[in-house]
Amino acid sequence: MPWHEALRPARSYPGGMPDLSPRSLLDRVTLWARGHVLAVDALWAVVWFAMSMATWPRASFDTAESWVYLVLATACCAALALRRVRPFACLAVLGVLLAFHILWFDQPTAPVGICALVASYTAQAELPRPWRAVGLLLLLAGAAWAVLSIPPENLSADLELRLNSVVSAWTAVALFSLLGAFRRRNREEFARVVEHARLLETQREQEVRLAALDERTRIAREMHDILAHSLNVIVAQADGGRYAAKAAPERAVAALATVAQVGRESAAELHQLLGVLRDGEERGAAPAPGVGDLPGLVEEYRRAGLRIRLVQHGSPAAPRGGRADTGAPATLPATASLTVYRVVQESLANALKHGGPAAARVELTWSPGRVGIDVANSVREAAPAALTTPAGPSGRSESTGPSASGGPSAPPVFAGPSMPTALSAPEGVPPTGRSGPSTPADASGPSAPAGSCGTGRPSGTGRHSAAKAPSAVGAVPGGARRGPGHGLVGMRERVGLHGGTLEVGADDATGTWRVRAVVPWEEA
């Protein structure tokens, strides 16, 4: 990846990402040089070699000293070409060549001095930490040795003058070493910026993937709730209309009207839900269902054949400036209200699907900062099957149903509102004697033909009886699959998002299948 691409910050700009591509000729040359260090260093080495040959005082190579100088210059040129590709080898060769130059020649020449300064720069810019100090000490010692080894005829023998020359050589070595250290710092900072940009880009991609996964999970959960509710009601009404077509045509017409209404409502909900997948489409934000829609939900299942009683305990205040018939407290968040609605919807869908036209009871108990949900429906099968729900917040799986020894297990403990010990099916039965006001709503649906079968348990709870005869309204023919159903997993996820509890299982004492949940929220 080019360096200017790596430096682009991983964030959004109102007008799009800025154009950081190189524009001027200098930018293009710099970018090319960063990717071709060997060619650049070889070019500078050739320039240095030409300068060393031009400054050699003896134009002819008729002496051994001239040939030695030529060999030294050629070797230094080759070493300088590798100073960034092989810095250790380059500096080792230069050290040997410079020491040989001091021993062979009377005084150091200017090109050799430049070569020593380049070695000082390279040692600090390219070597790792332990070797940088070693290289600096060796270069300082070599500079002092080179100055002090100059014969008196070329440099005064005065000690003070020679010490000043040594200090000057050390200053030059220190200056180029400092430049090399600055170059190394800049390169390390550049590498940190590139790595930071890469990490930001990776983090952004991960956030996008997680957001997409969360959105897909949310859509799948909502689609399951919508389809499970609507299809169960449609199947129940279609079966009921088929049975009532000859004996009571008006009831068949009413059943078909209910099928059409539920189908339209579900199609509208699916259209709104899947609208998030359409890029650039203008769509209105339809309100999500909540506690205020529970009476309508209960009425739909009554028309489908369930005999439901809806009871609310407590006196929750109506929302300020909102609807007074919601029965929800003013501080109830929309997400908590949707969770309550979906838990009740899934519980009733399972009751209709697996229990047929049985009796059911929905009980909501309001208290400050929490609401208890208890949905119970009649169980047709004598021996309840075991149900294992996904691990809760504690990390342990919870199981209800018969024990391994074959005996019935105790009802699951529920740290929330209690339920009456009996679930009555007939219409008009008063609610249980509980302190506090309540709002019962009783009705009974149409009776089902004989020969219906079902357990009233959600799918995945274990055993279901096979029905060879036509099933009743809402009954499911054949055996059900094993394993926890998606609806139970979805309910647990919804309740878990609020830090609540969910328990699902058979209550042997009352002969009912019960879904009990507590949904807390933070009051404003």
Protein backbone atom coordinates (compact mmCIF):
# COMPACT_ATOMS: atom_id res chain seq x y z
CA MET A 1 0.00 0.00 0.00
CA PRO A 2 1.47 3.42 -0.92
CA TRP A 3 2.49 5.66 1.96
CA HIS A 4 -0.03 8.38 1.14
CA GLU A 5 -2.82 5.77 1.22
CA ALA A 6 -1.70 4.50 4.61
CA LEU A 7 -1.75 8.00 6.09
CA ARG A 8 -5.38 8.54 5.28
CA PRO A 9 -7.31 8.69 8.56
CA ALA A 10 -10.07 6.13 9.02
CA ARG A 11 -12.95 8.56 9.45
CA SER A 12 -15.57 10.22 7.34
CA TYR A 13 -15.34 13.67 5.77
CA PRO A 14 -18.35 15.78 4.78
CA GLY A 15 -17.02 16.21 1.27
CA GLY A 16 -15.39 12.81 0.96
CA MET A 17 -11.81 11.72 1.59
CA PRO A 18 -9.16 14.33 0.76
CA ASP A 19 -6.88 13.68 -2.18
CA LEU A 20 -3.44 12.90 -0.73
CA SER A 21 -1.85 11.63 -3.93
CA PRO A 22 1.47 13.26 -4.89
CA ARG A 23 1.01 16.26 -7.17
CA SER A 24 4.33 18.07 -7.67
CA LEU A 25 7.47 16.68 -9.29
CA LEU A 26 9.28 16.81 -5.95
CA ASP A 27 6.55 14.69 -4.34
CA ARG A 28 6.82 12.13 -7.11
CA VAL A 29 10.62 11.98 -6.85
CA THR A 30 10.40 11.60 -3.07
CA LEU A 31 7.85 8.83 -3.39
CA TRP A 32 10.04 7.03 -5.95
CA ALA A 33 13.13 7.39 -3.76
CA ARG A 34 11.31 5.83 -0.78
CA GLY A 35 10.69 2.69 -2.78
CA HIS A 36 14.13 2.43 -4.46
CA VAL A 37 16.68 2.95 -1.68
CA LEU A 38 19.35 0.75 -3.29
CA ALA A 39 19.25 2.70 -6.56
CA VAL A 40 19.39 6.03 -4.72
CA ASP A 41 22.33 4.96 -2.53
CA ALA A 42 24.17 3.54 -5.53
CA LEU A 43 23.75 6.86 -7.33
CA TRP A 44 25.18 8.79 -4.38
CA ALA A 45 28.04 6.28 -4.13
CA VAL A 46 28.94 6.90 -7.77
CA VAL A 47 28.90 10.66 -7.13
CA TRP A 48 31.21 10.17 -4.14
CA PHE A 49 33.56 7.97 -6.20
CA ALA A 50 33.79 10.59 -8.94
CA MET A 51 34.54 13.27 -6.34
CA SER A 52 37.24 11.12 -4.70
CA MET A 53 38.92 10.53 -8.04
CA ALA A 54 38.75 14.21 -8.94
CA THR A 55 40.36 15.31 -5.67
CA TRP A 56 43.22 12.78 -5.77
CA PRO A 57 46.38 14.89 -6.14
CA ARG A 58 48.18 12.39 -8.35
CA ALA A 59 46.55 12.28 -11.75
CA SER A 60 48.53 9.25 -13.00
CA PHE A 61 48.39 5.80 -11.48
CA ASP A 62 52.05 4.97 -11.87
CA THR A 63 52.67 4.35 -8.16
CA ALA A 64 51.45 1.68 -5.75
CA GLU A 65 49.94 4.37 -3.55
CA SER A 66 47.65 5.49 -6.40
CA TRP A 67 46.46 1.94 -7.06
CA VAL A 68 45.80 1.37 -3.37
CA TYR A 69 43.76 4.57 -3.27
CA LEU A 70 41.78 3.41 -6.32
CA VAL A 71 41.01 0.07 -4.68
CA LEU A 72 40.01 1.81 -1.42
CA ALA A 73 37.75 4.26 -3.26
CA THR A 74 36.08 1.46 -5.23
CA ALA A 75 35.49 -0.62 -2.10
CA CYS A 76 34.09 2.39 -0.23
CA CYS A 77 31.79 3.13 -3.18
CA ALA A 78 30.41 -0.43 -3.10
CA ALA A 79 29.94 -0.30 0.69
CA LEU A 80 28.14 3.06 0.55
CA ALA A 81 25.70 1.64 -2.02
CA LEU A 82 24.59 -0.92 0.60
CA ARG A 83 24.36 1.39 3.61
CA ARG A 84 20.56 1.08 3.96
CA VAL A 85 20.15 -2.40 2.52
CA ARG A 86 22.94 -4.03 4.59
CA PRO A 87 23.94 -1.46 7.23
CA PHE A 88 26.00 -3.86 9.38
CA ALA A 89 28.07 -5.09 6.44
CA CYS A 90 28.46 -1.55 5.10
CA LEU A 91 29.75 -0.11 8.38
CA ALA A 92 32.05 -3.08 9.03
CA VAL A 93 33.68 -2.72 5.59
CA LEU A 94 33.96 1.07 5.96
CA GLY A 95 35.61 0.68 9.37
CA VAL A 96 38.25 -1.65 7.98
CA LEU A 97 38.87 0.55 4.92
CA LEU A 98 39.14 3.77 6.96
CA ALA A 99 41.57 2.14 9.40
CA PHE A 100 43.68 0.89 6.48
CA HIS A 101 43.62 4.37 4.96
CA ILE A 102 44.98 5.89 8.19
CA LEU A 103 47.77 3.34 8.33
CA TRP A 104 48.77 3.57 4.64
CA PHE A 105 48.49 7.28 3.85
CA ASP A 106 50.10 10.25 5.54
CA GLN A 107 46.89 12.20 6.08
CA PRO A 108 43.15 11.60 5.45
CA THR A 109 41.74 13.01 2.27
CA ALA A 110 38.48 14.94 1.99
CA PRO A 111 36.46 12.12 0.31
CA VAL A 112 37.53 9.71 3.04
CA GLY A 113 36.44 12.22 5.69
CA ILE A 114 33.05 12.52 3.98
CA CYS A 115 32.82 8.73 3.96
CA ALA A 116 33.43 8.71 7.74
CA LEU A 117 30.66 11.29 8.27
CA VAL A 118 28.25 9.21 6.16
CA ALA A 119 29.14 6.22 8.33
CA SER A 120 28.29 8.30 11.44
CA TYR A 121 24.90 9.19 9.96
CA THR A 122 24.20 5.59 8.91
CA ALA A 123 25.11 4.12 12.30
CA GLN A 124 22.49 6.23 14.10
CA ALA A 125 19.84 5.98 11.40
CA GLU A 126 19.97 2.26 10.58
CA LEU A 127 21.43 0.29 13.49
CA PRO A 128 19.42 -1.00 16.47
CA ARG A 129 19.86 0.48 19.93
CA PRO A 130 22.88 -1.46 21.34
CA TRP A 131 24.95 -1.03 18.20
CA ARG A 132 24.30 2.68 17.78
CA ALA A 133 26.33 3.52 20.88
CA VAL A 134 29.11 1.12 19.83
CA GLY A 135 29.30 2.70 16.39
CA LEU A 136 29.42 6.22 17.85
CA LEU A 137 32.28 5.34 20.21
CA LEU A 138 34.27 3.66 17.44
CA LEU A 139 33.80 6.63 15.11
CA LEU A 140 34.87 9.10 17.80
CA ALA A 141 37.94 7.00 18.52
CA GLY A 142 38.73 6.71 14.81
CA ALA A 143 38.39 10.48 14.33
CA ALA A 144 40.82 11.16 17.17
CA TRP A 145 43.22 8.53 15.84
CA ALA A 146 43.09 10.00 12.32
CA VAL A 147 43.86 13.52 13.56
CA LEU A 148 46.60 12.52 15.98
CA SER A 149 48.32 10.27 13.41
CA ILE A 150 48.93 13.10 10.96
CA PRO A 151 52.71 13.66 10.68
CA PRO A 152 54.17 16.98 11.98
CA GLU A 153 55.05 18.18 8.50
CA ASN A 154 51.35 18.12 7.59
CA LEU A 155 49.94 19.32 10.93
CA SER A 156 51.63 21.27 13.67
CA ALA A 157 52.86 19.20 16.57
CA ASP A 158 51.45 21.71 19.05
CA LEU A 159 49.30 19.73 21.51
CA GLU A 160 46.67 22.43 21.86
CA LEU A 161 46.26 22.70 18.10
CA ARG A 162 45.93 18.96 17.73
CA LEU A 163 43.36 18.81 20.57
CA ASN A 164 41.35 21.53 18.84
CA SER A 165 41.47 19.48 15.65
CA VAL A 166 40.25 16.42 17.54
CA VAL A 167 37.35 18.41 19.03
CA SER A 168 36.46 19.70 15.56
CA ALA A 169 36.43 16.14 14.19
CA TRP A 170 34.29 14.98 17.12
CA THR A 171 31.87 17.86 16.51
CA ALA A 172 31.44 16.84 12.88
CA VAL A 173 30.87 13.19 13.87
CA ALA A 174 28.36 14.22 16.56
CA LEU A 175 26.51 16.51 14.15
CA PHE A 176 26.05 13.80 11.53
CA SER A 177 25.14 11.27 14.23
CA LEU A 178 22.45 13.68 15.45
CA LEU A 179 21.10 14.01 11.91
CA GLY A 180 20.95 10.22 11.66
CA ALA A 181 19.07 10.02 14.97
CA PHE A 182 16.55 12.58 13.72
CA ARG A 183 16.10 10.58 10.54
CA ARG A 184 15.48 7.42 12.53
CA ARG A 185 12.94 9.19 14.76
CA ASN A 186 11.08 10.50 11.73
CA ARG A 187 11.01 7.05 10.15
CA GLU A 188 9.75 5.44 13.36
CA GLU A 189 7.08 8.11 13.73
CA PHE A 190 6.04 7.54 10.14
CA ALA A 191 5.81 3.79 10.78
CA ARG A 192 3.68 4.45 13.87
CA VAL A 193 1.35 6.67 11.87
CA VAL A 194 1.02 4.01 9.17
CA GLU A 195 0.34 1.31 11.76
CA HIS A 196 -2.15 3.53 13.55
CA ALA A 197 -3.95 4.19 10.28
CA ARG A 198 -4.00 0.48 9.52
CA LEU A 199 -5.40 -0.33 12.97
CA LEU A 200 -8.04 2.37 12.59
CA GLU A 201 -9.04 0.98 9.23
CA THR A 202 -9.19 -2.55 10.65
CA GLN A 203 -11.24 -1.31 13.59
CA ARG A 204 -13.60 0.53 11.28
CA GLU A 205 -14.08 -2.58 9.14
CA GLN A 206 -14.74 -4.66 12.26
CA GLU A 207 -17.25 -2.12 13.53
CA VAL A 208 -19.01 -2.18 10.16
CA ARG A 209 -19.11 -5.99 10.20
CA LEU A 210 -20.38 -6.09 13.78
CA ALA A 211 -23.00 -3.46 13.03
CA ALA A 212 -24.15 -5.45 10.00
CA LEU A 213 -24.23 -8.64 12.07
CA ASP A 214 -26.24 -6.94 14.81
CA GLU A 215 -28.65 -5.55 12.25
CA ARG A 216 -29.08 -8.95 10.59
CA THR A 217 -29.67 -10.55 13.99
CA ARG A 218 -32.22 -7.92 14.90
CA ILE A 219 -34.01 -8.31 11.57
CA ALA A 220 -34.01 -12.11 11.89
CA ARG A 221 -35.41 -11.90 15.41
CA GLU A 222 -38.12 -9.44 14.40
CA MET A 223 -39.00 -11.51 11.33
CA HIS A 224 -39.30 -14.64 13.45
CA ASP A 225 -41.65 -12.90 15.87
CA ILE A 226 -43.77 -11.41 13.10
CA LEU A 227 -43.98 -14.59 11.02
CA ALA A 228 -44.53 -16.90 13.98
CA HIS A 229 -47.42 -14.76 15.16
CA SER A 230 -49.05 -14.14 11.79
CA LEU A 231 -48.64 -17.63 10.33
CA ASN A 232 -49.99 -19.33 13.44
CA VAL A 233 -53.05 -17.10 13.42
CA ILE A 234 -53.53 -17.55 9.67
CA VAL A 235 -53.21 -21.35 9.88
CA ALA A 236 -55.60 -21.47 12.83
CA GLN A 237 -58.18 -19.29 11.10
CA ALA A 238 -57.85 -21.19 7.82
CA ASP A 239 -58.39 -24.54 9.56
CA GLY A 240 -61.30 -23.12 11.53
CA GLY A 241 -62.87 -21.66 8.42
CA ARG A 242 -62.49 -24.97 6.60
CA TYR A 243 -64.32 -26.81 9.37
CA ALA A 244 -67.01 -24.15 9.69
CA ALA A 245 -67.60 -23.64 5.95
CA LYS A 246 -70.57 -26.01 5.79
CA ALA A 247 -72.09 -25.71 9.26
CA ALA A 248 -71.59 -21.97 9.82
CA PRO A 249 -70.64 -20.10 6.64
CA GLU A 250 -70.69 -16.75 8.44
CA ARG A 251 -67.91 -17.95 10.76
CA ALA A 252 -65.89 -19.07 7.75
CA VAL A 253 -66.25 -15.61 6.24
CA ALA A 254 -65.15 -14.05 9.53
CA ALA A 255 -62.15 -16.38 9.62
CA LEU A 256 -61.13 -15.37 6.10
CA ALA A 257 -61.47 -11.71 7.06
CA THR A 258 -59.17 -12.30 10.02
CA VAL A 259 -56.67 -14.06 7.73
CA ALA A 260 -56.67 -11.09 5.37
CA GLN A 261 -56.29 -8.58 8.20
CA VAL A 262 -53.43 -10.43 9.87
CA GLY A 263 -51.73 -10.94 6.52
CA ARG A 264 -51.91 -7.24 5.68
CA GLU A 265 -50.60 -6.22 9.10
CA SER A 266 -47.72 -8.70 8.90
CA ALA A 267 -46.86 -7.62 5.37
CA ALA A 268 -46.76 -3.99 6.51
CA GLU A 269 -44.49 -4.89 9.44
CA LEU A 270 -42.17 -6.89 7.19
CA HIS A 271 -42.05 -4.07 4.65
CA GLN A 272 -41.09 -1.62 7.39
CA LEU A 273 -38.53 -4.04 8.84
CA LEU A 274 -36.87 -4.91 5.54
CA GLY A 275 -36.83 -1.26 4.48
CA VAL A 276 -33.48 -0.86 6.23
CA LEU A 277 -31.96 -3.10 3.56
CA ARG A 278 -32.96 -0.76 0.75
CA ASP A 279 -30.29 1.87 0.19
CA GLY A 280 -31.52 5.36 -0.45
CA GLU A 281 -35.21 4.60 -0.06
CA GLU A 282 -37.30 7.14 1.77
CA ARG A 283 -39.43 5.41 4.34
CA GLY A 284 -41.34 6.57 7.36
CA ALA A 285 -40.44 5.45 10.83
CA ALA A 286 -43.49 3.45 11.86
CA PRO A 287 -43.81 3.06 15.63
CA ALA A 288 -42.80 -0.32 16.99
CA PRO A 289 -45.49 -2.31 18.82
CA GLY A 290 -45.51 -2.04 22.58
CA VAL A 291 -47.51 -2.59 25.73
CA GLY A 292 -50.32 -0.44 24.41
CA ASP A 293 -50.87 -2.95 21.59
CA LEU A 294 -51.31 -5.97 23.87
CA PRO A 295 -55.14 -5.77 23.98
CA GLY A 296 -55.26 -5.92 20.18
CA LEU A 297 -52.77 -8.81 20.17
CA VAL A 298 -54.86 -10.73 22.70
CA GLU A 299 -58.00 -10.09 20.66
CA GLU A 300 -56.35 -11.56 17.55
CA TYR A 301 -55.55 -14.78 19.37
CA ARG A 302 -59.05 -14.91 20.80
CA ARG A 303 -60.43 -14.82 17.29
CA ALA A 304 -57.96 -17.59 16.39
CA GLY A 305 -59.43 -19.86 19.08
CA LEU A 306 -57.41 -19.24 22.25
CA ARG A 307 -59.42 -18.52 25.39
CA ILE A 308 -57.25 -15.79 26.87
CA ARG A 309 -57.59 -13.69 29.97
CA LEU A 310 -55.40 -10.56 30.15
CA VAL A 311 -54.80 -9.30 33.69
CA GLN A 312 -52.68 -6.34 34.79
CA HIS A 313 -51.82 -5.79 38.45
CA GLY A 314 -50.90 -2.41 39.80
CA SER A 315 -51.83 1.10 38.78
CA PRO A 316 -49.17 2.33 36.35
CA ALA A 317 -49.40 6.01 35.50
CA ALA A 318 -50.29 6.96 31.98
CA PRO A 319 -47.53 8.65 29.97
CA ARG A 320 -47.52 12.42 30.15
CA GLY A 321 -48.79 13.85 26.92
CA GLY A 322 -49.27 10.34 25.55
CA ARG A 323 -51.96 7.74 25.34
CA ALA A 324 -53.77 7.03 28.59
CA ASP A 325 -54.89 3.54 27.64
CA THR A 326 -51.49 1.95 27.29
CA GLY A 327 -51.33 0.75 30.85
CA ALA A 328 -47.58 1.39 30.86
CA PRO A 329 -45.69 3.67 33.20
CA ALA A 330 -44.54 7.04 31.97
CA THR A 331 -40.88 6.02 32.30
CA LEU A 332 -41.18 2.77 30.31
CA PRO A 333 -38.62 2.92 27.47
CA ALA A 334 -39.68 1.95 23.99
CA THR A 335 -37.23 -0.98 23.92
CA ALA A 336 -38.62 -2.42 27.15
CA SER A 337 -42.18 -1.96 25.87
CA LEU A 338 -41.27 -3.82 22.65
CA THR A 339 -39.67 -6.62 24.69
CA VAL A 340 -42.83 -7.08 26.77
CA TYR A 341 -44.91 -7.19 23.59
CA ARG A 342 -42.64 -9.72 21.85
CA VAL A 343 -42.46 -12.02 24.88
CA VAL A 344 -46.25 -12.13 25.13
CA GLN A 345 -46.58 -12.52 21.35
CA GLU A 346 -44.14 -15.44 21.18
CA SER A 347 -45.74 -17.15 24.18
CA LEU A 348 -49.22 -16.92 22.68
CA ALA A 349 -47.94 -18.06 19.28
CA ASN A 350 -46.44 -21.18 20.87
CA ALA A 351 -49.63 -21.78 22.86
CA LEU A 352 -51.76 -21.58 19.72
CA LYS A 353 -49.38 -23.64 17.62
CA HIS A 354 -48.88 -26.50 20.05
CA GLY A 355 -51.92 -26.36 22.29
CA GLY A 356 -54.74 -25.61 19.92
CA PRO A 357 -57.86 -23.82 21.25
CA ALA A 358 -56.73 -24.09 24.87
CA ALA A 359 -57.12 -21.70 27.77
CA ALA A 360 -54.37 -19.17 28.35
CA ARG A 361 -53.72 -16.39 30.80
CA VAL A 362 -51.49 -13.31 30.39
CA GLU A 363 -50.61 -11.53 33.61
CA LEU A 364 -48.57 -8.33 33.90
CA THR A 365 -47.47 -7.07 37.30
CA TRP A 366 -46.14 -3.54 37.33
CA SER A 367 -43.77 -2.25 39.99
CA PRO A 368 -41.32 0.67 40.06
CA GLY A 369 -38.60 0.05 37.50
CA ARG A 370 -39.73 -3.43 36.41
CA VAL A 371 -42.61 -5.45 35.03
CA GLY A 372 -43.30 -9.12 35.59
CA ILE A 373 -44.73 -11.19 32.75
CA ASP A 374 -46.46 -14.53 33.34
CA VAL A 375 -48.06 -16.35 30.41
CA ALA A 376 -49.61 -19.77 31.07
CA ASN A 377 -51.56 -22.10 28.83
CA SER A 378 -53.17 -25.48 29.27
CA VAL A 379 -51.08 -28.60 28.67
CA ARG A 380 -52.81 -31.48 26.91
CA GLU A 381 -50.09 -34.04 27.59
CA ALA A 382 -49.88 -35.59 31.04
CA ALA A 383 -46.11 -35.91 31.34
CA PRO A 384 -44.29 -32.68 30.65
CA ALA A 385 -41.20 -32.85 28.53
CA ALA A 386 -37.90 -31.38 29.52
CA LEU A 387 -36.79 -28.06 28.19
CA THR A 388 -33.28 -26.72 28.29
CA THR A 389 -32.99 -23.05 27.53
CA PRO A 390 -29.77 -21.30 26.55
CA ALA A 391 -27.37 -20.27 29.27
CA GLY A 392 -28.44 -17.20 31.14
CA PRO A 393 -26.34 -14.37 32.50
CA SER A 394 -24.77 -16.71 35.06
CA GLY A 395 -23.48 -18.95 32.28
CA ARG A 396 -25.46 -22.03 33.46
CA SER A 397 -28.06 -23.81 31.41
CA GLU A 398 -31.48 -24.02 33.02
CA SER A 399 -33.62 -27.11 32.65
CA THR A 400 -37.19 -27.82 33.59
CA GLY A 401 -39.24 -30.93 33.19
CA PRO A 402 -39.00 -34.50 34.45
CA SER A 403 -35.88 -35.61 36.25
CA ALA A 404 -33.51 -38.26 35.04
CA SER A 405 -35.08 -40.79 37.37
CA GLY A 406 -38.43 -40.36 35.72
CA GLY A 407 -40.14 -38.39 38.46
CA PRO A 408 -41.59 -34.94 37.91
CA SER A 409 -39.36 -32.02 38.64
CA ALA A 410 -40.28 -29.10 40.82
CA PRO A 411 -41.66 -25.99 39.13
CA PRO A 412 -38.94 -23.47 38.34
CA VAL A 413 -38.37 -20.75 40.88
CA PHE A 414 -39.44 -17.31 39.68
CA ALA A 415 -38.28 -14.12 41.34
CA GLY A 416 -41.20 -12.07 40.10
CA PRO A 417 -44.98 -11.92 40.24
CA SER A 418 -46.75 -15.13 41.16
CA MET A 419 -49.53 -16.81 39.23
CA PRO A 420 -52.74 -18.34 40.50
CA THR A 421 -52.55 -22.08 41.06
CA ALA A 422 -55.38 -22.84 38.69
CA LEU A 423 -55.95 -21.81 35.11
CA SER A 424 -59.62 -21.80 34.25
CA ALA A 425 -60.83 -22.10 30.73
CA PRO A 426 -64.45 -20.99 30.96
CA GLU A 427 -65.42 -17.48 30.21
CA GLY A 428 -66.20 -15.05 32.98
CA VAL A 429 -64.09 -16.56 35.74
CA PRO A 430 -62.91 -13.74 38.03
CA PRO A 431 -59.20 -13.10 38.49
CA THR A 432 -57.33 -14.45 41.45
CA GLY A 433 -57.52 -12.73 44.77
CA ARG A 434 -54.53 -10.47 44.63
CA SER A 435 -54.16 -7.16 46.35
CA GLY A 436 -54.08 -4.14 44.10
CA PRO A 437 -56.25 -3.18 41.18
CA SER A 438 -56.43 -5.37 38.15
CA THR A 439 -57.88 -5.11 34.69
CA PRO A 440 -59.11 -8.51 33.51
CA ALA A 441 -60.35 -9.02 30.00
CA ASP A 442 -61.98 -12.40 29.43
CA ALA A 443 -63.26 -13.99 26.30
CA SER A 444 -63.51 -17.40 24.82
CA GLY A 445 -62.92 -18.38 21.26
CA PRO A 446 -64.78 -20.84 19.11
CA SER A 447 -64.67 -24.46 20.05
CA ALA A 448 -62.54 -26.85 18.07
CA PRO A 449 -63.52 -30.14 16.58
CA ALA A 450 -62.89 -33.28 18.50
CA GLY A 451 -59.73 -35.23 18.08
CA SER A 452 -57.37 -32.30 18.46
CA CYS A 453 -53.99 -32.90 19.94
CA GLY A 454 -51.09 -30.81 21.16
CA THR A 455 -49.14 -30.00 24.25
CA GLY A 456 -49.16 -26.25 24.46
CA ARG A 457 -45.38 -26.27 24.65
CA PRO A 458 -43.18 -24.35 22.22
CA SER A 459 -41.30 -26.19 19.54
CA GLY A 460 -38.16 -27.90 20.66
CA THR A 461 -39.50 -28.84 24.10
CA GLY A 462 -39.24 -32.55 23.63
CA ARG A 463 -42.21 -34.76 22.67
CA HIS A 464 -45.36 -34.12 20.71
CA SER A 465 -48.07 -36.63 19.87
CA ALA A 466 -48.55 -37.45 16.24
CA ALA A 467 -51.99 -36.67 14.86
CA LYS A 468 -53.25 -38.89 12.10
CA ALA A 469 -56.68 -37.26 12.00
CA PRO A 470 -57.08 -33.67 10.83
CA SER A 471 -55.75 -31.42 13.55
CA ALA A 472 -57.81 -28.81 15.32
CA VAL A 473 -57.50 -25.10 15.08
CA GLY A 474 -53.88 -24.27 15.84
CA ALA A 475 -52.74 -27.87 16.40
CA VAL A 476 -49.56 -29.08 14.80
CA PRO A 477 -49.71 -32.50 13.17
CA GLY A 478 -46.77 -34.83 13.41
CA GLY A 479 -43.76 -34.76 15.66
CA ALA A 480 -41.88 -31.57 16.32
CA ARG A 481 -38.17 -31.15 16.05
CA ARG A 482 -36.00 -31.43 19.10
CA GLY A 483 -33.80 -28.75 20.56
CA PRO A 484 -34.66 -25.27 21.80
CA GLY A 485 -36.76 -23.24 19.38
CA HIS A 486 -35.60 -19.96 17.89
CA GLY A 487 -38.44 -18.18 19.65
CA LEU A 488 -37.16 -19.18 23.08
CA VAL A 489 -33.65 -18.04 22.18
CA GLY A 490 -35.03 -14.75 20.88
CA MET A 491 -37.04 -14.18 24.06
CA ARG A 492 -34.01 -14.85 26.23
CA GLU A 493 -31.88 -12.46 24.15
CA ARG A 494 -34.50 -9.72 24.35
CA VAL A 495 -34.93 -10.04 28.10
CA GLY A 496 -31.18 -10.37 28.62
CA LEU A 497 -30.57 -7.03 26.88
CA HIS A 498 -32.40 -5.37 29.77
CA GLY A 499 -30.70 -7.44 32.47
CA GLY A 500 -33.90 -9.38 33.18
CA THR A 501 -34.71 -13.04 33.77
CA LEU A 502 -36.66 -15.57 31.73
CA GLU A 503 -37.91 -18.99 32.79
CA VAL A 504 -39.84 -21.41 30.60
CA GLY A 505 -41.16 -24.77 31.69
CA ALA A 506 -44.05 -26.99 32.70
CA ASP A 507 -45.76 -26.39 36.05
CA ASP A 508 -46.75 -29.86 37.25
CA ALA A 509 -48.81 -28.45 40.10
CA THR A 510 -51.22 -26.61 37.80
CA GLY A 511 -50.78 -28.67 34.64
CA THR A 512 -49.82 -25.61 32.61
CA TRP A 513 -46.96 -24.49 30.46
CA ARG A 514 -45.62 -21.18 31.69
CA VAL A 515 -43.38 -18.44 30.42
CA ARG A 516 -42.27 -16.09 33.18
CA ALA A 517 -40.05 -13.07 32.71
CA VAL A 518 -38.97 -9.96 34.55
CA VAL A 519 -38.05 -6.91 32.44
CA PRO A 520 -36.36 -4.13 34.43
CA TRP A 521 -35.49 -0.63 33.26
CA GLU A 522 -33.93 2.49 34.66
CA GLU A 523 -36.43 5.09 35.70
CA ALA A 524 -35.74 8.67 34.69
